[in-house]
PDB file of N, CA and C in Angstrom:
ATOM      1  N   MET A   1       8.196-111.633 -77.449  1.00  0.00           N
ATOM      2  CA  MET A   1       8.767-110.757 -78.446  1.00  0.00           C
ATOM      3  C   MET A   1       7.911-109.497 -78.587  1.00  0.00           C
ATOM      4  N   ASP A   2       6.684-109.574 -78.223  1.00  0.00           N
ATOM      5  CA  ASP A   2       5.801-108.402 -78.207  1.00  0.00           C
ATOM      6  C   ASP A   2       5.654-107.748 -79.586  1.00  0.00           C
ATOM      7  N   THR A   3       5.381-108.576 -80.584  1.00  0.00           N
ATOM      8  CA  THR A   3       5.158-108.100 -81.950  1.00  0.00           C
ATOM      9  C   THR A   3       3.844-108.699 -82.444  1.00  0.00           C
ATOM     10  N   ALA A   4       3.082-107.924 -83.191  1.00  0.00           N
ATOM     11  CA  ALA A   4       1.789-108.389 -83.668  1.00  0.00           C
ATOM     12  C   ALA A   4       1.945-109.614 -84.563  1.00  0.00           C
ATOM     13  N   THR A   5       1.110-110.608 -84.337  1.00  0.00           N
ATOM     14  CA  THR A   5       1.168-111.828 -85.141  1.00  0.00           C
ATOM     15  C   THR A   5       0.874-111.536 -86.608  1.00  0.00           C
ATOM     16  N   HIS A   6       0.052-110.530 -86.868  1.00  0.00           N
ATOM     17  CA  HIS A   6      -0.257-110.136 -88.245  1.00  0.00           C
ATOM     18  C   HIS A   6       1.017-109.677 -88.961  1.00  0.00           C
ATOM     19  N   TYR A   7       1.853-108.915 -88.265  1.00  0.00           N
ATOM     20  CA  TYR A   7       3.105-108.427 -88.841  1.00  0.00           C
ATOM     21  C   TYR A   7       4.039-109.596 -89.149  1.00  0.00           C
ATOM     22  N   ILE A   8       4.148-110.538 -88.220  1.00  0.00           N
ATOM     23  CA  ILE A   8       4.988-111.721 -88.428  1.00  0.00           C
ATOM     24  C   ILE A   8       4.456-112.538 -89.607  1.00  0.00           C
ATOM     25  N   ALA A   9       3.130-112.678 -89.703  1.00  0.00           N
ATOM     26  CA  ALA A   9       2.529-113.423 -90.805  1.00  0.00           C
ATOM     27  C   ALA A   9       2.844-112.761 -92.145  1.00  0.00           C
ATOM     28  N   MET A  10       2.858-111.443 -92.177  1.00  0.00           N
ATOM     29  CA  MET A  10       3.187-110.723 -93.414  1.00  0.00           C
ATOM     30  C   MET A  10       4.648-110.952 -93.803  1.00  0.00           C
ATOM     31  N   ILE A  11       5.531-111.025 -92.803  1.00  0.00           N
ATOM     32  CA  ILE A  11       6.942-111.318 -93.078  1.00  0.00           C
ATOM     33  C   ILE A  11       7.066-112.728 -93.630  1.00  0.00           C
ATOM     34  N   GLU A  12       6.414-113.685 -92.979  1.00  0.00           N
ATOM     35  CA  GLU A  12       6.467-115.080 -93.421  1.00  0.00           C
ATOM     36  C   GLU A  12       5.901-115.248 -94.825  1.00  0.00           C
ATOM     37  N   GLY A  13       4.890-114.481 -95.156  1.00  0.00           N
ATOM     38  CA  GLY A  13       4.266-114.570 -96.471  1.00  0.00           C
ATOM     39  C   GLY A  13       4.985-113.771 -97.546  1.00  0.00           C
ATOM     40  N   GLY A  14       6.069-113.088 -97.188  1.00  0.00           N
ATOM     41  CA  GLY A  14       6.836-112.316 -98.147  1.00  0.00           C
ATOM     42  C   GLY A  14       6.177-111.009 -98.546  1.00  0.00           C
ATOM     43  N   LYS A  15       5.207-110.551 -97.767  1.00  0.00           N
ATOM     44  CA  LYS A  15       4.517-109.300 -98.089  1.00  0.00           C
ATOM     45  C   LYS A  15       5.139-108.105 -97.378  1.00  0.00           C
ATOM     46  N   ASN A  16       6.029-108.387 -96.445  1.00  0.00           N
ATOM     47  CA  ASN A  16       6.702-107.330 -95.709  1.00  0.00           C
ATOM     48  C   ASN A  16       8.100-107.816 -95.387  1.00  0.00           C
ATOM     49  N   PHE A  17       9.076-106.919 -95.378  1.00  0.00           N
ATOM     50  CA  PHE A  17      10.439-107.299 -95.022  1.00  0.00           C
ATOM     51  C   PHE A  17      10.799-106.595 -93.732  1.00  0.00           C
ATOM     52  N   PRO A  18      11.288-107.343 -92.744  1.00  0.00           N
ATOM     53  CA  PRO A  18      11.584-106.742 -91.441  1.00  0.00           C
ATOM     54  C   PRO A  18      12.845-105.883 -91.472  1.00  0.00           C
ATOM     55  N   SER A  19      12.895-104.944 -90.545  1.00  0.00           N
ATOM     56  CA  SER A  19      14.098-104.130 -90.381  1.00  0.00           C
ATOM     57  C   SER A  19      15.195-105.000 -89.781  1.00  0.00           C
ATOM     58  N   ALA A  20      16.416-104.479 -89.791  1.00  0.00           N
ATOM     59  CA  ALA A  20      17.542-105.216 -89.197  1.00  0.00           C
ATOM     60  C   ALA A  20      17.284-105.479 -87.719  1.00  0.00           C
ATOM     61  N   GLU A  21      16.706-104.513 -87.047  1.00  0.00           N
ATOM     62  CA  GLU A  21      16.381-104.676 -85.620  1.00  0.00           C
ATOM     63  C   GLU A  21      15.363-105.799 -85.430  1.00  0.00           C
ATOM     64  N   MET A  22      14.355-105.848 -86.287  1.00  0.00           N
ATOM     65  CA  MET A  22      13.329-106.884 -86.171  1.00  0.00           C
ATOM     66  C   MET A  22      13.926-108.258 -86.479  1.00  0.00           C
ATOM     67  N   ILE A  23      14.837-108.333 -87.443  1.00  0.00           N
ATOM     68  CA  ILE A  23      15.500-109.604 -87.743  1.00  0.00           C
ATOM     69  C   ILE A  23      16.250-110.096 -86.517  1.00  0.00           C
ATOM     70  N   GLU A  24      16.943-109.190 -85.843  1.00  0.00           N
ATOM     71  CA  GLU A  24      17.658-109.560 -84.617  1.00  0.00           C
ATOM     72  C   GLU A  24      16.685-110.037 -83.547  1.00  0.00           C
ATOM     73  N   ARG A  25      15.557-109.380 -83.411  1.00  0.00           N
ATOM     74  CA  ARG A  25      14.561-109.778 -82.404  1.00  0.00           C
ATOM     75  C   ARG A  25      13.969-111.150 -82.712  1.00  0.00           C
ATOM     76  N   ILE A  26      13.673-111.385 -83.986  1.00  0.00           N
ATOM     77  CA  ILE A  26      13.115-112.686 -84.390  1.00  0.00           C
ATOM     78  C   ILE A  26      14.141-113.788 -84.130  1.00  0.00           C
ATOM     79  N   ALA A  27      15.393-113.533 -84.521  1.00  0.00           N
ATOM     80  CA  ALA A  27      16.449-114.524 -84.311  1.00  0.00           C
ATOM     81  C   ALA A  27      16.615-114.826 -82.826  1.00  0.00           C
ATOM     82  N   ALA A  28      16.616-113.799 -82.004  1.00  0.00           N
ATOM     83  CA  ALA A  28      16.759-113.994 -80.556  1.00  0.00           C
ATOM     84  C   ALA A  28      15.596-114.809 -80.006  1.00  0.00           C
ATOM     85  N   ALA A  29      14.394-114.532 -80.481  1.00  0.00           N
ATOM     86  CA  ALA A  29      13.213-115.267 -80.013  1.00  0.00           C
ATOM     87  C   ALA A  29      13.285-116.738 -80.410  1.00  0.00           C
ATOM     88  N   LEU A  30      13.922-117.023 -81.538  1.00  0.00           N
ATOM     89  CA  LEU A  30      14.067-118.393 -82.012  1.00  0.00           C
ATOM     90  C   LEU A  30      15.330-119.067 -81.477  1.00  0.00           C
ATOM     91  N   GLY A  31      16.157-118.307 -80.767  1.00  0.00           N
ATOM     92  CA  GLY A  31      17.406-118.850 -80.252  1.00  0.00           C
ATOM     93  C   GLY A  31      18.418-119.111 -81.340  1.00  0.00           C
ATOM     94  N   LYS A  32      18.388-118.301 -82.392  1.00  0.00           N
ATOM     95  CA  LYS A  32      19.283-118.471 -83.546  1.00  0.00           C
ATOM     96  C   LYS A  32      20.093-117.211 -83.762  1.00  0.00           C
ATOM     97  N   ASP A  33      21.133-117.333 -84.563  1.00  0.00           N
ATOM     98  CA  ASP A  33      21.876-116.177 -85.022  1.00  0.00           C
ATOM     99  C   ASP A  33      21.094-115.592 -86.200  1.00  0.00           C
ATOM    100  N   SER A  34      21.121-114.295 -86.366  1.00  0.00           N
ATOM    101  CA  SER A  34      20.332-113.684 -87.442  1.00  0.00           C
ATOM    102  C   SER A  34      20.731-114.213 -88.824  1.00  0.00           C
ATOM    103  N   ALA A  35      21.995-114.552 -89.031  1.00  0.00           N
ATOM    104  CA  ALA A  35      22.437-115.092 -90.324  1.00  0.00           C
ATOM    105  C   ALA A  35      21.773-116.431 -90.612  1.00  0.00           C
ATOM    106  N   ASP A  36      21.453-117.199 -89.564  1.00  0.00           N
ATOM    107  CA  ASP A  36      20.793-118.493 -89.746  1.00  0.00           C
ATOM    108  C   ASP A  36      19.423-118.350 -90.398  1.00  0.00           C
ATOM    109  N   LEU A  37      18.788-117.203 -90.238  1.00  0.00           N
ATOM    110  CA  LEU A  37      17.464-116.996 -90.820  1.00  0.00           C
ATOM    111  C   LEU A  37      17.522-116.919 -92.342  1.00  0.00           C
ATOM    112  N   PHE A  38      18.712-116.654 -92.876  1.00  0.00           N
ATOM    113  CA  PHE A  38      18.872-116.518 -94.320  1.00  0.00           C
ATOM    114  C   PHE A  38      19.630-117.679 -94.940  1.00  0.00           C
ATOM    115  N   ALA A  39      19.993-118.644 -94.128  1.00  0.00           N
ATOM    116  CA  ALA A  39      20.775-119.782 -94.620  1.00  0.00           C
ATOM    117  C   ALA A  39      19.914-120.678 -95.488  1.00  0.00           C
ATOM    118  N   ILE A  40      20.541-121.240 -96.511  1.00  0.00           N
ATOM    119  CA  ILE A  40      19.872-122.210 -97.369  1.00  0.00           C
ATOM    120  C   ILE A  40      19.674-123.469 -96.548  1.00  0.00           C
ATOM    121  N   THR A  41      18.541-124.096 -96.711  1.00  0.00           N
ATOM    122  CA  THR A  41      18.263-125.313 -95.970  1.00  0.00           C
ATOM    123  C   THR A  41      19.356-126.330 -96.253  1.00  0.00           C
ATOM    124  N   PRO A  42      19.961-126.878 -95.198  1.00  0.00           N
ATOM    125  CA  PRO A  42      21.039-127.841 -95.427  1.00  0.00           C
ATOM    126  C   PRO A  42      20.528-129.121 -96.078  1.00  0.00           C
ATOM    127  N   ILE A  43      21.408-129.781 -96.834  1.00  0.00           N
ATOM    128  CA  ILE A  43      21.069-131.055 -97.459  1.00  0.00           C
ATOM    129  C   ILE A  43      20.809-132.063 -96.354  1.00  0.00           C
ATOM    130  N   GLN A  44      19.781-132.851 -96.514  1.00  0.00           N
ATOM    131  CA  GLN A  44      19.484-133.867 -95.519  1.00  0.00           C
ATOM    132  C   GLN A  44      20.689-134.775 -95.352  1.00  0.00           C
ATOM    133  N   GLN A  45      20.943-135.204 -94.113  1.00  0.00           N
ATOM    134  CA  GLN A  45      22.138-135.982 -93.799  1.00  0.00           C
ATOM    135  C   GLN A  45      22.257-137.250 -94.646  1.00  0.00           C
ATOM    136  N   ASP A  46      21.141-137.971 -94.861  1.00  0.00           N
ATOM    137  CA  ASP A  46      21.230-139.207 -95.641  1.00  0.00           C
ATOM    138  C   ASP A  46      21.607-138.924 -97.094  1.00  0.00           C
ATOM    139  N   TRP A  47      21.171-137.797 -97.645  1.00  0.00           N
ATOM    140  CA  TRP A  47      21.559-137.414 -99.004  1.00  0.00           C
ATOM    141  C   TRP A  47      23.050-137.134 -99.041  1.00  0.00           C
ATOM    142  N   LYS A  48      23.534-136.402 -98.047  1.00  0.00           N
ATOM    143  CA  LYS A  48      24.944-136.039 -97.996  1.00  0.00           C
ATOM    144  C   LYS A  48      25.805-137.304 -97.943  1.00  0.00           C
ATOM    145  N   GLU A  49      25.413-138.261 -97.119  1.00  0.00           N
ATOM    146  CA  GLU A  49      26.178-139.504 -97.012  1.00  0.00           C
ATOM    147  C   GLU A  49      26.154-140.284 -98.323  1.00  0.00           C
ATOM    148  N   ALA A  50      25.008-140.329 -98.987  1.00  0.00           N
ATOM    149  CA  ALA A  50      24.900-141.037-100.264  1.00  0.00           C
ATOM    150  C   ALA A  50      25.771-140.375-101.325  1.00  0.00           C
ATOM    151  N   ILE A  51      25.789-139.062-101.359  1.00  0.00           N
ATOM    152  CA  ILE A  51      26.603-138.329-102.324  1.00  0.00           C
ATOM    153  C   ILE A  51      28.084-138.593-102.058  1.00  0.00           C
ATOM    154  N   LEU A  52      28.493-138.563-100.793  1.00  0.00           N
ATOM    155  CA  LEU A  52      29.897-138.833-100.462  1.00  0.00           C
ATOM    156  C   LEU A  52      30.292-140.257-100.833  1.00  0.00           C
ATOM    157  N   GLU A  53      29.407-141.213-100.612  1.00  0.00           N
ATOM    158  CA  GLU A  53      29.685-142.600-100.998  1.00  0.00           C
ATOM    159  C   GLU A  53      29.866-142.713-102.513  1.00  0.00           C
ATOM    160  N   ASP A  54      28.997-142.024-103.269  1.00  0.00           N
ATOM    161  CA  ASP A  54      29.114-142.034-104.733  1.00  0.00           C
ATOM    162  C   ASP A  54      30.444-141.434-105.180  1.00  0.00           C
ATOM    163  N   ILE A  55      30.841-140.337-104.567  1.00  0.00           N
ATOM    164  CA  ILE A  55      32.106-139.688-104.926  1.00  0.00           C
ATOM    165  C   ILE A  55      33.276-140.616-104.611  1.00  0.00           C
ATOM    166  N   GLU A  56      33.246-141.228-103.428  1.00  0.00           N
ATOM    167  CA  GLU A  56      34.325-142.150-103.052  1.00  0.00           C
ATOM    168  C   GLU A  56      34.415-143.321-104.035  1.00  0.00           C
ATOM    169  N   LYS A  57      33.280-143.859-104.466  1.00  0.00           N
ATOM    170  CA  LYS A  57      33.276-144.969-105.422  1.00  0.00           C
ATOM    171  C   LYS A  57      33.837-144.521-106.773  1.00  0.00           C
ATOM    172  N   LEU A  58      33.436-143.346-107.239  1.00  0.00           N
ATOM    173  CA  LEU A  58      33.957-142.830-108.508  1.00  0.00           C
ATOM    174  C   LEU A  58      35.475-142.656-108.456  1.00  0.00           C
ATOM    175  N   ILE A  59      35.969-142.134-107.354  1.00  0.00           N
ATOM    176  CA  ILE A  59      37.410-141.940-107.207  1.00  0.00           C
ATOM    177  C   ILE A  59      38.124-143.291-107.179  1.00  0.00           C
ATOM    178  N   ALA A  60      37.599-144.231-106.403  1.00  0.00           N
ATOM    179  CA  ALA A  60      38.208-145.563-106.310  1.00  0.00           C
ATOM    180  C   ALA A  60      38.218-146.248-107.675  1.00  0.00           C
ATOM    181  N   ASP A  61      37.114-146.152-108.402  1.00  0.00           N
ATOM    182  CA  ASP A  61      37.040-146.758-109.734  1.00  0.00           C
ATOM    183  C   ASP A  61      38.055-146.120-110.684  1.00  0.00           C
ATOM    184  N   ARG A  62      38.198-144.819-110.617  1.00  0.00           N
ATOM    185  CA  ARG A  62      39.137-144.109-111.497  1.00  0.00           C
ATOM    186  C   ARG A  62      40.583-144.486-111.161  1.00  0.00           C
ATOM    187  N   ILE A  63      40.899-144.563-109.880  1.00  0.00           N
ATOM    188  CA  ILE A  63      42.247-144.961-109.460  1.00  0.00           C
ATOM    189  C   ILE A  63      42.537-146.379-109.942  1.00  0.00           C
ATOM    190  N   PHE A  64      41.563-147.279-109.776  1.00  0.00           N
ATOM    191  CA  PHE A  64      41.730-148.656-110.233  1.00  0.00           C
ATOM    192  C   PHE A  64      41.996-148.688-111.736  1.00  0.00           C
ATOM    193  N   ALA A  65      41.217-147.918-112.494  1.00  0.00           N
ATOM    194  CA  ALA A  65      41.390-147.890-113.955  1.00  0.00           C
ATOM    195  C   ALA A  65      42.762-147.347-114.336  1.00  0.00           C
ATOM    196  N   LEU A  66      43.220-146.316-113.643  1.00  0.00           N
ATOM    197  CA  LEU A  66      44.523-145.740-113.964  1.00  0.00           C
ATOM    198  C   LEU A  66      45.659-146.703-113.615  1.00  0.00           C
ATOM    199  N   ARG A  67      45.516-147.419-112.519  1.00  0.00           N
ATOM    200  CA  ARG A  67      46.563-148.382-112.104  1.00  0.00           C
ATOM    201  C   ARG A  67      46.629-149.579-113.042  1.00  0.00           C
ATOM    202  N   ASN A  68      45.519-149.928-113.641  1.00  0.00           N
ATOM    203  CA  ASN A  68      45.448-151.114-114.510  1.00  0.00           C
ATOM    204  C   ASN A  68      45.482-150.766-115.991  1.00  0.00           C
ATOM    205  N   LYS A  69      45.793-149.539-116.294  1.00  0.00           N
ATOM    206  CA  LYS A  69      45.862-149.085-117.681  1.00  0.00           C
ATOM    207  C   LYS A  69      47.166-149.593-118.293  1.00  0.00           C
ATOM    208  N   PRO A  70      47.086-150.180-119.485  1.00  0.00           N
ATOM    209  CA  PRO A  70      48.324-150.668-120.122  1.00  0.00           C
ATOM    210  C   PRO A  70      49.280-149.504-120.380  1.00  0.00           C
ATOM    211  N   GLU A  71      50.542-149.807-120.234  1.00  0.00           N
ATOM    212  CA  GLU A  71      51.580-148.781-120.486  1.00  0.00           C
ATOM    213  C   GLU A  71      51.532-148.354-121.945  1.00  0.00           C
ATOM    214  N   GLN A  72      51.639-147.080-122.192  1.00  0.00           N
ATOM    215  CA  GLN A  72      51.681-146.547-123.548  1.00  0.00           C
ATOM    216  C   GLN A  72      53.143-146.439-123.964  1.00  0.00           C
ATOM    217  N   PRO A  73      53.477-146.909-125.150  1.00  0.00           N
ATOM    218  CA  PRO A  73      54.877-146.778-125.584  1.00  0.00           C
ATOM    219  C   PRO A  73      55.278-145.315-125.712  1.00  0.00           C
ATOM    220  N   GLN A  74      56.484-145.028-125.303  1.00  0.00           N
ATOM    221  CA  GLN A  74      56.968-143.658-125.379  1.00  0.00           C
ATOM    222  C   GLN A  74      57.610-143.437-126.736  1.00  0.00           C
ATOM    223  N   CYS A  75      57.388-142.294-127.303  1.00  0.00           N
ATOM    224  CA  CYS A  75      57.966-141.981-128.622  1.00  0.00           C
ATOM    225  C   CYS A  75      59.293-141.338-128.486  1.00  0.00           C
TER     226      CYS A  75
END
Protein backbone atom coordinates (compact mmCIF):
# COMPACT_ATOMS: atom_id res chain seq x y z
CA MET A 1 0.00 0.00 0.00
CA ASP A 2 3.04 2.24 0.39
CA THR A 3 1.68 4.36 3.25
CA ALA A 4 3.53 5.26 6.43
CA THR A 5 2.63 3.03 9.36
CA HIS A 6 2.52 6.13 11.57
CA TYR A 7 -0.27 7.57 9.39
CA ILE A 8 -2.24 4.31 9.55
CA ALA A 9 -1.76 4.20 13.34
CA MET A 10 -3.15 7.74 13.61
CA ILE A 11 -6.22 6.68 11.60
CA GLU A 12 -6.71 3.61 13.79
CA GLY A 13 -6.37 5.73 16.92
CA GLY A 14 -8.96 8.24 15.69
CA LYS A 15 -6.43 11.08 15.55
CA ASN A 16 -6.63 11.44 11.79
CA PHE A 17 -9.38 10.77 9.25
CA PRO A 18 -8.36 9.43 5.85
CA SER A 19 -9.40 10.95 2.55
CA ALA A 20 -11.86 9.09 0.32
CA GLU A 21 -8.92 7.97 -1.82
CA MET A 22 -7.09 6.61 1.23
CA ILE A 23 -10.23 4.77 2.38
CA GLU A 24 -10.39 3.10 -1.02
CA ARG A 25 -6.70 2.16 -0.80
CA ILE A 26 -7.08 0.72 2.70
CA ALA A 27 -10.16 -1.26 1.65
CA ALA A 28 -8.36 -2.62 -1.41
CA ALA A 29 -5.37 -3.64 0.71
CA LEU A 30 -7.71 -5.50 3.07
CA GLY A 31 -9.66 -7.07 0.21
CA LYS A 32 -12.87 -5.36 1.34
CA ASP A 33 -15.36 -2.91 -0.06
CA SER A 34 -14.87 0.58 1.37
CA ALA A 35 -18.39 0.51 2.89
CA ASP A 36 -17.36 -2.57 4.91
CA LEU A 37 -14.87 -0.41 6.81
CA PHE A 38 -17.77 1.54 8.31
CA ALA A 39 -20.13 -1.36 8.95
CA ILE A 40 -21.27 -2.08 12.48
CA THR A 41 -19.79 -5.29 13.76
CA PRO A 42 -22.30 -8.04 13.00
CA ILE A 43 -23.99 -9.87 15.87
CA GLN A 44 -22.19 -13.09 16.63
CA GLN A 45 -23.90 -16.03 14.91
CA ASP A 46 -24.72 -17.87 18.16
CA TRP A 47 -26.41 -14.73 19.56
CA LYS A 48 -28.44 -14.36 16.38
CA GLU A 49 -29.61 -17.98 16.57
CA ALA A 50 -30.53 -17.63 20.25
CA ILE A 51 -32.51 -14.46 19.56
CA LEU A 52 -34.37 -16.12 16.68
CA GLU A 53 -35.19 -19.13 18.87
CA ASP A 54 -36.56 -16.79 21.57
CA ILE A 55 -38.70 -14.95 19.01
CA GLU A 56 -40.04 -18.22 17.59
CA LYS A 57 -40.93 -19.44 21.10
CA LEU A 58 -42.70 -16.17 21.95
CA ILE A 59 -44.73 -16.36 18.75
CA ALA A 60 -45.61 -20.03 19.31
CA ASP A 61 -46.65 -19.32 22.90
CA ARG A 62 -48.81 -16.38 21.82
CA ILE A 63 -50.50 -18.41 19.06
CA PHE A 64 -51.17 -21.21 21.55
CA ALA A 65 -52.69 -18.73 24.03
CA LEU A 66 -54.89 -17.17 21.36
CA ARG A 67 -56.12 -20.57 20.12
CA ASN A 68 -56.96 -21.69 23.66
CA LYS A 69 -58.58 -18.45 24.76
CA PRO A 70 -62.20 -18.91 25.86
CA GLU A 71 -64.74 -17.42 23.49
CA GLN A 72 -66.00 -14.02 24.59
CA PRO A 73 -69.76 -13.57 24.39
CA GLN A 74 -70.80 -11.15 21.71
CA CYS A 75 -73.01 -8.24 22.70
